[in-house]
């Protein structure tokens, strides 16, 4: 940790350290159904993915051991609320930065950038890119997602999670899922016989770590931890072990650099 930052003045960090009769515990909101990013393997009773390893890295840097980390599955539409009411301390859950969210919570990072993409069934030859999407296309989206696009959809298919969207796609209830490339690759890798990803090459999403609004000390500390992980090769090692096998190519982001309009 940055020795010049006194984390004892961070209300969030103090709450974490005092939890469980001062034994200390950090509760991190994560995804449980996004292979490659945040996925709960019920058979092994463990979480895996890029987001999970980044969360563990940050927790360790904040002074918490593996046994002091509690992962809490969080729905996209609940991320701000759970940070605001203290249900979770941090959110590391494919959490794209945008101006609306930044008014409700603070963001550390970014720790990953990803273009937008489409997920369709292998048998779908009608959709080849964003230009194939029309008002009548059944696009599956997740509540509170930043990935809706510019097309005015006549019959969007709204689900609570992208896992549910994948089920809708495979059952024929939806035609396409339009969201982050990093997120969609994991689903295609799980079912390569039936699903394919189309990289649009358009747009860039910036994944950040959500924390309670205004906790600048905690934000600066996490930014420092991410910067160190990028400079010493840890970020690349985490990326290579989780997302690179799914054919995602990405350079480490510049921590503290966010889109000016979103």
Foldseek 3Di string as FASTA:
>chain_A
DPPVFDCCPFPLLVCQCPPPNNPGAAEEEEAQVFAQQWHQDPVVRDIDHLLVVLVQLLCVLSPDDPVRYHYDYDWLVCPLVCQAVVVHAKYSYQNFDAPVVCVRWPWWWQFFKFAKKKKAWPPDPQDQEPVSDAQDAAEEDEPNAPFDDDHNHPHYHYDRDVVVVVVCRVVVVHGMYMGTPQRVLRVCVVPVNIMDMHGRVDDMTGGTMTGGPPSVSSRVSSNVSSVVCLVVVVSVVSCCVRRVVSVDDGHGDNIPDDDPHD
